[in-house]
Protein backbone atom coordinates (compact mmCIF):
# COMPACT_ATOMS: atom_id res chain seq x y z
CA MET A 1 0.00 0.00 0.00
CA ASP A 2 1.59 3.23 -1.09
CA ALA A 3 1.04 6.77 0.18
CA THR A 4 -1.72 7.61 -2.32
CA GLN A 5 -3.81 4.59 -1.33
CA LEU A 6 -3.27 5.35 2.35
CA GLN A 7 -4.41 8.95 1.87
CA GLY A 8 -7.47 7.71 -0.02
CA LEU A 9 -8.30 5.31 2.80
CA ILE A 10 -7.87 8.01 5.44
CA GLY A 11 -10.04 10.41 3.43
CA THR A 12 -12.75 7.77 2.99
CA LEU A 13 -12.74 6.95 6.71
CA ALA A 14 -12.91 10.65 7.57
CA VAL A 15 -15.92 11.15 5.30
CA LEU A 16 -17.68 8.09 6.71
CA GLY A 17 -16.95 9.30 10.26
CA LEU A 18 -18.41 12.72 9.55
CA LEU A 19 -21.43 11.14 7.88
CA ALA A 20 -22.01 9.01 10.98
CA LEU A 21 -21.77 12.09 13.22
CA VAL A 22 -24.35 13.91 11.10
CA VAL A 23 -26.78 11.00 10.67
CA LEU A 24 -26.62 9.50 14.17
CA PRO A 25 -28.63 12.24 15.96
CA ALA A 26 -31.37 11.97 13.34
CA ILE A 27 -31.59 8.19 13.80
CA ILE A 28 -31.70 8.59 17.58
CA GLY A 29 -34.49 11.17 17.22
CA VAL A 30 -36.59 8.87 15.01
CA VAL A 31 -36.22 5.99 17.46
CA HIS A 32 -37.16 8.28 20.35
CA ASP A 33 -40.24 9.60 18.52
CA ARG A 34 -41.42 6.07 17.72
CA ARG A 35 -41.06 5.06 21.36
CA ILE A 36 -43.14 8.08 22.44
CA ASP A 37 -45.76 7.27 19.79
CA ARG A 38 -46.06 3.71 21.12
CA GLN A 39 -46.42 5.01 24.68
CA LEU A 40 -49.14 7.46 23.65
CA GLN A 41 -50.98 4.78 21.71
CA ARG A 42 -50.82 2.39 24.69
CA ALA A 43 -52.07 5.12 27.03
CA SER A 44 -54.94 5.92 24.68
CA GLN A 45 -55.94 2.26 24.50
CA ASP A 46 -55.75 1.93 28.30
CA ARG A 47 -57.89 5.05 28.73
CA ARG A 48 -60.52 3.71 26.32
CA ALA A 49 -60.52 0.35 28.08
CA SER A 50 -60.88 1.95 31.51
CA GLN A 51 -63.77 4.10 30.29
CA GLU A 52 -65.59 1.07 28.86
CA ARG A 53 -65.19 -1.09 31.98
CA PRO A 54 -67.30 1.02 34.39
CA ALA A 55 -70.13 1.22 31.88
CA THR A 56 -70.12 -2.57 31.52
CA GLN A 57 -70.01 -3.03 35.29
CA GLU A 58 -72.94 -0.61 35.77
CA ARG A 59 -75.00 -2.58 33.26
CA GLN A 60 -74.22 -5.81 35.10
CA VAL A 61 -75.19 -4.28 38.44
CA ALA A 62 -78.42 -2.91 37.01
CA ALA A 63 -79.20 -6.24 35.39
CA SER A 64 -78.56 -8.11 38.63
CA HIS A 65 -80.89 -5.74 40.50
CA ARG A 66 -83.63 -6.37 38.02
CA VAL A 67 -83.22 -10.13 38.19
CA ALA A 68 -82.93 -10.40 41.96
CA ARG A 69 -86.52 -9.89 43.20
CA PRO A 70 -87.80 -10.91 46.57
CA ALA A 71 -89.84 -14.10 46.47
């Protein structure tokens, strides 16, 4: 390997290193945003589920009161 090839290799590695420094924060940001989106989606689903449960329980209580009559 002569000096020209070595300089070419060093230049290529420098460009790839700079590219990694520029692209890495963007990749980290995308991963972070996706994680937040999943958390928000899970929270929304949990909220919907918790709002539906009391309504179902109230119907069951009302139904049991209607069925349970003194003999």
